[in-house]
Each structure stands twice: as structure tokens, then as C-alpha cells.
Amino acid sequence: MSVVRIPSPLFSYTEARAEVEGRGATLGEVLADLDRRYPGLRFRIVDEQDRIRPTIVITVSGERASGISTPVSASDVVQIVAALSGG
């Protein structure tokens, strides 16, 4: 299982957990696994066309993920970052 770091705006989906574990060979599989345990989380990260939302950046062991097909291994750390906005 990969460690997945969750940004604070999404804590309401993960029972206030900053780190959770996800299982899968790709980022999409990891997010689907998380969504089974934390319903609604995936939709906040990925849109209806299976693209990472523009307000989200995801890295896999420090490298920016290009999409949900990005490979993930059990030793990887997945970091989800939510962009801040304001005015």
C-alpha cells in the first residue's frame, strides 16, 4: 500500500486523517481504493473526464503526476495538494 497525504481541505472526507493508505498499481486505482473507504474523495480530485482537477496537484514520490494512469508502487508516497485561491 502507498502512503497518501491528504490536504486539509479534504480532511472532512478522510475522518480528519492527514495520511491514509491506498492500494493500486496506478494513481487511478489508488484513488478508486480510497473512494471505496472515503466516499466522495475521488470526485474532489478527479473530474468526470478522469482528469486531475485544475485546482489539484498530485506528486508520486516527488514527481508530478501527469494523470491518473501514472504508475504507483507500494513504496511510493502520493501527495495531494489543493491550490489556494482568494481575492
N, C-alpha and C. Protein backbone atom coordinates (compact mmCIF):
# COMPACT_ATOMS: atom_id res chain seq x y z
N MET A 1 0.83 -1.19 0.00
CA MET A 1 0.00 0.00 0.00
C MET A 1 0.87 1.24 0.00
N SER A 2 0.43 2.24 -0.70
CA SER A 2 1.13 3.52 -0.76
C SER A 2 0.57 4.46 0.30
N VAL A 3 1.44 5.29 0.84
CA VAL A 3 1.01 6.35 1.74
C VAL A 3 0.46 7.48 0.87
N VAL A 4 -0.70 7.99 1.25
CA VAL A 4 -1.32 9.10 0.52
C VAL A 4 -1.50 10.25 1.51
N ARG A 5 -0.88 11.37 1.22
CA ARG A 5 -1.01 12.56 2.07
C ARG A 5 -2.15 13.42 1.55
N ILE A 6 -3.06 13.75 2.44
CA ILE A 6 -4.30 14.45 2.11
C ILE A 6 -4.20 15.91 2.53
N PRO A 7 -4.60 16.86 1.67
CA PRO A 7 -4.59 18.26 2.09
C PRO A 7 -5.75 18.55 3.04
N SER A 8 -5.55 19.52 3.92
CA SER A 8 -6.56 19.82 4.94
C SER A 8 -7.95 20.14 4.39
N PRO A 9 -8.11 20.75 3.20
CA PRO A 9 -9.48 20.97 2.71
C PRO A 9 -10.26 19.68 2.45
N LEU A 10 -9.57 18.55 2.38
CA LEU A 10 -10.24 17.27 2.13
C LEU A 10 -10.33 16.38 3.37
N PHE A 11 -9.92 16.90 4.51
CA PHE A 11 -9.98 16.12 5.76
C PHE A 11 -11.39 15.65 6.08
N SER A 12 -12.40 16.40 5.68
CA SER A 12 -13.78 16.00 6.01
C SER A 12 -14.14 14.67 5.35
N TYR A 13 -13.43 14.28 4.29
CA TYR A 13 -13.68 13.01 3.62
C TYR A 13 -12.90 11.86 4.25
N THR A 14 -11.78 12.16 4.91
CA THR A 14 -10.92 11.11 5.45
C THR A 14 -10.97 11.03 6.97
N GLU A 15 -12.06 11.48 7.55
CA GLU A 15 -12.22 11.44 9.01
C GLU A 15 -11.07 12.19 9.71
N ALA A 16 -10.68 13.32 9.11
CA ALA A 16 -9.65 14.22 9.64
C ALA A 16 -8.25 13.61 9.61
N ARG A 17 -8.05 12.61 8.78
CA ARG A 17 -6.72 11.99 8.66
C ARG A 17 -5.90 12.72 7.60
N ALA A 18 -4.67 13.08 7.96
CA ALA A 18 -3.76 13.73 7.03
C ALA A 18 -3.04 12.72 6.15
N GLU A 19 -2.94 11.48 6.62
CA GLU A 19 -2.33 10.41 5.85
C GLU A 19 -3.23 9.18 5.89
N VAL A 20 -3.39 8.57 4.73
CA VAL A 20 -4.15 7.32 4.61
C VAL A 20 -3.33 6.41 3.71
N GLU A 21 -3.76 5.18 3.58
CA GLU A 21 -3.07 4.24 2.70
C GLU A 21 -4.00 3.85 1.57
N GLY A 22 -3.42 3.74 0.38
CA GLY A 22 -4.20 3.36 -0.79
C GLY A 22 -3.51 2.24 -1.55
N ARG A 23 -4.30 1.38 -2.14
CA ARG A 23 -3.79 0.22 -2.86
C ARG A 23 -4.08 0.38 -4.35
N GLY A 24 -3.08 0.09 -5.19
CA GLY A 24 -3.27 0.12 -6.63
C GLY A 24 -1.96 0.27 -7.36
N ALA A 25 -1.96 -0.11 -8.64
CA ALA A 25 -0.76 -0.03 -9.47
C ALA A 25 -0.67 1.29 -10.22
N THR A 26 -1.79 2.04 -10.25
CA THR A 26 -1.80 3.36 -10.88
C THR A 26 -2.45 4.36 -9.92
N LEU A 27 -2.27 5.61 -10.20
CA LEU A 27 -2.89 6.65 -9.38
C LEU A 27 -4.40 6.49 -9.39
N GLY A 28 -4.97 6.18 -10.56
CA GLY A 28 -6.42 5.97 -10.66
C GLY A 28 -6.90 4.85 -9.77
N GLU A 29 -6.16 3.74 -9.71
CA GLU A 29 -6.53 2.62 -8.85
C GLU A 29 -6.43 2.99 -7.38
N VAL A 30 -5.40 3.74 -7.03
CA VAL A 30 -5.25 4.20 -5.63
C VAL A 30 -6.42 5.10 -5.25
N LEU A 31 -6.78 6.03 -6.12
CA LEU A 31 -7.90 6.93 -5.83
C LEU A 31 -9.22 6.16 -5.74
N ALA A 32 -9.40 5.16 -6.58
CA ALA A 32 -10.62 4.34 -6.52
C ALA A 32 -10.67 3.56 -5.21
N ASP A 33 -9.53 3.05 -4.77
CA ASP A 33 -9.46 2.34 -3.49
C ASP A 33 -9.82 3.28 -2.34
N LEU A 34 -9.28 4.49 -2.37
CA LEU A 34 -9.60 5.47 -1.32
C LEU A 34 -11.08 5.83 -1.34
N ASP A 35 -11.65 5.95 -2.54
CA ASP A 35 -13.05 6.34 -2.65
C ASP A 35 -13.99 5.27 -2.08
N ARG A 36 -13.57 4.02 -2.12
CA ARG A 36 -14.39 2.95 -1.51
C ARG A 36 -14.47 3.14 0.01
N ARG A 37 -13.38 3.58 0.60
CA ARG A 37 -13.35 3.79 2.05
C ARG A 37 -13.78 5.18 2.47
N TYR A 38 -13.55 6.14 1.59
CA TYR A 38 -13.87 7.54 1.87
C TYR A 38 -14.71 8.09 0.72
N PRO A 39 -15.99 7.73 0.68
CA PRO A 39 -16.86 8.12 -0.44
C PRO A 39 -16.84 9.63 -0.71
N GLY A 40 -16.75 9.96 -1.99
CA GLY A 40 -16.76 11.36 -2.41
C GLY A 40 -15.38 11.96 -2.58
N LEU A 41 -14.36 11.33 -2.04
CA LEU A 41 -13.00 11.88 -2.11
C LEU A 41 -12.50 11.97 -3.55
N ARG A 42 -12.67 10.92 -4.31
CA ARG A 42 -12.15 10.89 -5.69
C ARG A 42 -12.75 12.03 -6.52
N PHE A 43 -14.04 12.28 -6.37
CA PHE A 43 -14.70 13.32 -7.16
C PHE A 43 -14.12 14.71 -6.88
N ARG A 44 -13.58 14.92 -5.72
CA ARG A 44 -12.97 16.21 -5.38
C ARG A 44 -11.59 16.37 -6.01
N ILE A 45 -11.03 15.24 -6.48
CA ILE A 45 -9.68 15.23 -7.03
C ILE A 45 -9.68 15.07 -8.55
N VAL A 46 -10.62 14.26 -9.05
CA VAL A 46 -10.67 13.91 -10.47
C VAL A 46 -12.04 14.29 -11.02
N ASP A 47 -12.05 14.87 -12.24
CA ASP A 47 -13.33 15.29 -12.83
C ASP A 47 -14.02 14.15 -13.58
N GLU A 48 -15.13 14.47 -14.23
CA GLU A 48 -15.94 13.47 -14.93
C GLU A 48 -15.22 12.86 -16.13
N GLN A 49 -14.19 13.51 -16.64
CA GLN A 49 -13.40 13.00 -17.76
C GLN A 49 -12.14 12.28 -17.29
N ASP A 50 -12.09 11.96 -16.00
CA ASP A 50 -10.94 11.28 -15.39
C ASP A 50 -9.65 12.07 -15.50
N ARG A 51 -9.77 13.39 -15.42
CA ARG A 51 -8.59 14.27 -15.40
C ARG A 51 -8.45 14.85 -14.00
N ILE A 52 -7.21 15.01 -13.58
CA ILE A 52 -6.96 15.66 -12.29
C ILE A 52 -7.47 17.09 -12.39
N ARG A 53 -8.25 17.50 -11.41
CA ARG A 53 -8.84 18.84 -11.43
C ARG A 53 -7.75 19.91 -11.48
N PRO A 54 -8.02 21.05 -12.13
CA PRO A 54 -7.01 22.11 -12.26
C PRO A 54 -6.57 22.70 -10.93
N THR A 55 -7.38 22.57 -9.91
CA THR A 55 -7.04 23.11 -8.59
C THR A 55 -6.27 22.12 -7.73
N ILE A 56 -5.94 20.96 -8.30
CA ILE A 56 -5.24 19.90 -7.57
C ILE A 56 -3.92 19.58 -8.27
N VAL A 57 -2.88 19.39 -7.48
CA VAL A 57 -1.60 18.89 -7.97
C VAL A 57 -1.31 17.62 -7.18
N ILE A 58 -0.89 16.58 -7.89
CA ILE A 58 -0.55 15.32 -7.23
C ILE A 58 0.87 14.95 -7.60
N THR A 59 1.67 14.58 -6.59
CA THR A 59 3.01 14.07 -6.85
C THR A 59 3.09 12.63 -6.36
N VAL A 60 3.88 11.86 -7.06
CA VAL A 60 4.15 10.47 -6.66
C VAL A 60 5.64 10.39 -6.41
N SER A 61 6.01 10.25 -5.15
CA SER A 61 7.41 10.26 -4.71
C SER A 61 8.17 11.45 -5.28
N GLY A 62 7.54 12.63 -5.19
CA GLY A 62 8.18 13.88 -5.56
C GLY A 62 8.05 14.28 -7.02
N GLU A 63 7.56 13.40 -7.88
CA GLU A 63 7.39 13.70 -9.29
C GLU A 63 5.93 14.02 -9.58
N ARG A 64 5.69 15.11 -10.28
CA ARG A 64 4.30 15.50 -10.59
C ARG A 64 3.62 14.45 -11.46
N ALA A 65 2.44 14.01 -11.05
CA ALA A 65 1.67 13.03 -11.81
C ALA A 65 1.07 13.69 -13.04
N SER A 66 1.20 13.03 -14.18
CA SER A 66 0.66 13.58 -15.42
C SER A 66 -0.83 13.26 -15.58
N GLY A 67 -1.30 12.28 -14.87
CA GLY A 67 -2.71 11.88 -14.95
C GLY A 67 -2.95 10.65 -14.09
N ILE A 68 -4.16 10.13 -14.14
CA ILE A 68 -4.48 9.01 -13.27
C ILE A 68 -3.85 7.70 -13.73
N SER A 69 -3.25 7.67 -14.91
CA SER A 69 -2.56 6.47 -15.37
C SER A 69 -1.12 6.39 -14.85
N THR A 70 -0.69 7.40 -14.09
CA THR A 70 0.66 7.41 -13.53
C THR A 70 0.87 6.17 -12.66
N PRO A 71 1.96 5.42 -12.91
CA PRO A 71 2.22 4.23 -12.09
C PRO A 71 2.52 4.58 -10.64
N VAL A 72 2.09 3.71 -9.74
CA VAL A 72 2.33 3.86 -8.31
C VAL A 72 2.78 2.52 -7.76
N SER A 73 3.83 2.52 -6.96
CA SER A 73 4.26 1.29 -6.30
C SER A 73 4.00 1.40 -4.80
N ALA A 74 4.07 0.28 -4.12
CA ALA A 74 3.76 0.24 -2.69
C ALA A 74 4.70 1.14 -1.88
N SER A 75 5.90 1.39 -2.39
CA SER A 75 6.86 2.21 -1.64
C SER A 75 6.70 3.71 -1.93
N ASP A 76 5.83 4.07 -2.85
CA ASP A 76 5.64 5.47 -3.21
C ASP A 76 4.82 6.24 -2.17
N VAL A 77 5.11 7.53 -2.08
CA VAL A 77 4.31 8.45 -1.29
C VAL A 77 3.55 9.33 -2.28
N VAL A 78 2.24 9.34 -2.17
CA VAL A 78 1.38 10.15 -3.04
C VAL A 78 0.99 11.39 -2.24
N GLN A 79 1.30 12.55 -2.77
CA GLN A 79 0.99 13.82 -2.10
C GLN A 79 -0.07 14.54 -2.92
N ILE A 80 -1.20 14.84 -2.31
CA ILE A 80 -2.25 15.60 -2.97
C ILE A 80 -2.21 17.01 -2.41
N VAL A 81 -2.12 17.99 -3.31
CA VAL A 81 -2.04 19.39 -2.90
C VAL A 81 -3.22 20.13 -3.51
N ALA A 82 -3.96 20.82 -2.67
CA ALA A 82 -5.09 21.63 -3.15
C ALA A 82 -4.62 23.07 -3.26
N ALA A 83 -4.88 23.68 -4.42
CA ALA A 83 -4.49 25.06 -4.64
C ALA A 83 -5.33 25.99 -3.77
N LEU A 84 -4.73 27.04 -3.30
CA LEU A 84 -5.44 28.05 -2.55
C LEU A 84 -5.89 29.15 -3.49
N SER A 85 -7.03 29.70 -3.22
CA SER A 85 -7.50 30.82 -4.05
C SER A 85 -8.11 31.86 -3.14
N GLY A 86 -8.23 33.01 -3.67
CA GLY A 86 -8.81 34.09 -2.87
C GLY A 86 -8.78 35.38 -3.68
N GLY A 87 -9.18 36.42 -3.05
CA GLY A 87 -9.18 37.66 -3.80
C GLY A 87 -9.39 38.84 -2.91
